[in-house]
Protein backbone atom coordinates (compact mmCIF):
# COMPACT_ATOMS: atom_id res chain seq x y z
CA MET A 1 87.72 90.41 127.84
CA LYS A 2 85.35 90.89 124.74
CA PHE A 3 86.08 91.42 121.57
CA ILE A 4 84.55 95.14 121.40
CA PRO A 5 84.62 96.13 117.58
CA ALA A 6 85.03 99.81 117.42
CA GLN A 7 87.39 99.04 120.88
CA MET A 8 89.75 97.80 118.54
CA ASN A 9 89.73 99.67 116.13
CA GLN A 10 91.28 103.01 117.99
CA LEU A 11 93.75 100.61 118.96
CA ILE A 12 95.09 99.83 115.47
CA LYS A 13 94.05 103.79 114.44
CA ASN A 14 96.68 104.06 117.77
CA ASN A 15 99.54 102.16 116.32
CA LYS A 16 100.61 101.33 113.11
CA ASP A 17 102.21 98.32 113.02
CA LEU A 18 99.01 96.57 113.78
CA GLU A 19 97.34 99.39 111.05
CA THR A 20 99.67 97.44 108.58
CA ARG A 21 99.19 93.56 109.80
CA LEU A 22 95.62 95.12 109.32
CA LYS A 23 95.84 95.60 106.07
CA SER A 24 97.88 92.91 105.80
CA LEU A 25 95.97 90.21 106.62
CA MET A 26 92.78 91.49 104.10
CA LYS A 27 95.30 91.98 101.47
CA GLU A 28 97.00 88.03 101.84
CA MET A 29 93.82 85.74 102.53
CA GLU A 30 91.22 88.28 101.07
CA MET A 31 89.56 88.49 104.08
CA GLU A 32 86.72 91.59 104.98
CA ARG A 33 87.50 94.23 107.17
CA SER A 34 85.21 92.72 109.86
CA TYR A 35 86.63 89.38 110.02
CA ALA A 36 90.35 90.35 110.07
CA LEU A 37 90.19 92.78 113.14
CA LYS A 38 88.82 89.84 115.21
CA ALA A 39 91.70 87.62 113.79
CA LEU A 40 93.85 90.14 114.74
CA TYR A 41 92.27 90.72 118.26
CA HIS A 42 92.80 87.21 119.18
CA SER A 43 96.12 86.48 117.74
CA GLU A 44 97.83 90.26 119.46
CA VAL A 45 95.32 91.34 121.93
CA ALA A 46 93.56 87.90 123.67
CA ASP A 47 94.31 85.83 125.70
CA GLY A 48 97.63 87.84 127.55
CA GLY A 49 98.69 89.14 123.89
CA ARG A 50 101.36 91.52 123.49
CA TYR A 51 98.65 94.35 122.76
CA GLN A 52 96.39 93.70 125.46
CA GLN A 53 97.27 95.72 128.35
CA ASP A 54 97.03 98.71 125.53
CA TYR A 55 93.15 97.39 124.19
CA GLN A 56 92.37 97.11 128.17
CA ALA A 57 93.34 100.84 129.17
CA LEU A 58 91.13 101.92 125.97
CA ASP A 59 87.61 100.65 127.92
CA PRO A 60 85.47 102.74 129.06
CA LYS A 61 84.79 101.60 132.23
């Protein structure tokens, strides 16, 4: 599975919990949005994460 920023943004837009975690990462770790987005992807989506199926369902293929 590949990280696609637009797909990850859509997942966050559809899920308030992820949106809250993204904002928290950006604030607490002083990260830019693009880096926080990728960190969130690796912690919550990749390798069987909690939101992997939701992320895959957004795949335009």
